[in-house]
Amino acid sequence: MVKPLASGTAAFSLLLVIYFGVLTLVSGWSFTVSQFSDYWAYIVTLAFGFGMQVALYVYLKQLSAHNYQAQHMVAATGTTSTAAMLACCSHYLTNILPVLGVVGIVSVIAQYQTQLFWISLAINAAGLAYISRQVLLVRHTFLGSPAC
C-alpha cells in the first residue's frame, strides 16, 4: 500500500503545484492567492480526487501485475480515469485561454466558473466510482475477495 499512497500524494501535490504555477504565471501571485482563497474547497477536493484516482490506479496495476486479463482492465481504467481528469480540470482553461487570445470564450467560461467546478467534481466522482469498482472486480475475480 505504500506505493499507491505515495503515488496518490505525489499526484495531489503535483496538481496543486501546477495550479499555483500556471495561475501565477498567467495572472500573478496576488490573483492566484485570491482565487485559491475563494475556491479552495473546490480546488483541494479536485486535487484530492485526482490523487485518489492515481492511488487506486497504481493499486489496481499492482493487483493485476501477474494477470494478463486484469492488465486490459487496468488499461481501460487508466484511459477512463485520464479522460475524467482532463475534463475535471477544464476550468483551468479560464486562465490559459487569454494567453491564446480567445478573450470572448474566457469571459463566458469565467462567468460559469462555479458551475464548471461542480461539473468537474461530478466527473471526478464518476472516475473514482469507476476505478473503485474495477479494483473491487479485480480483487473478487483474481484474489477471491468479496465484491460489492
Foldseek 3Di string as FASTA:
>chain_A
DVVLLVQLVVQLVVQVVVLQVLLCVQPNNVVSVVVCVVCVVLSSLLSNLLSLLSSLLVVQCVLCVPPPVSVVVSVVLVVLLVVLNVQLPVLCCLRVVVVVVPVVVNVVSVVCSVVSSVVSSVSSVVSNVVSVQSSLVSCCPPVVDDHD
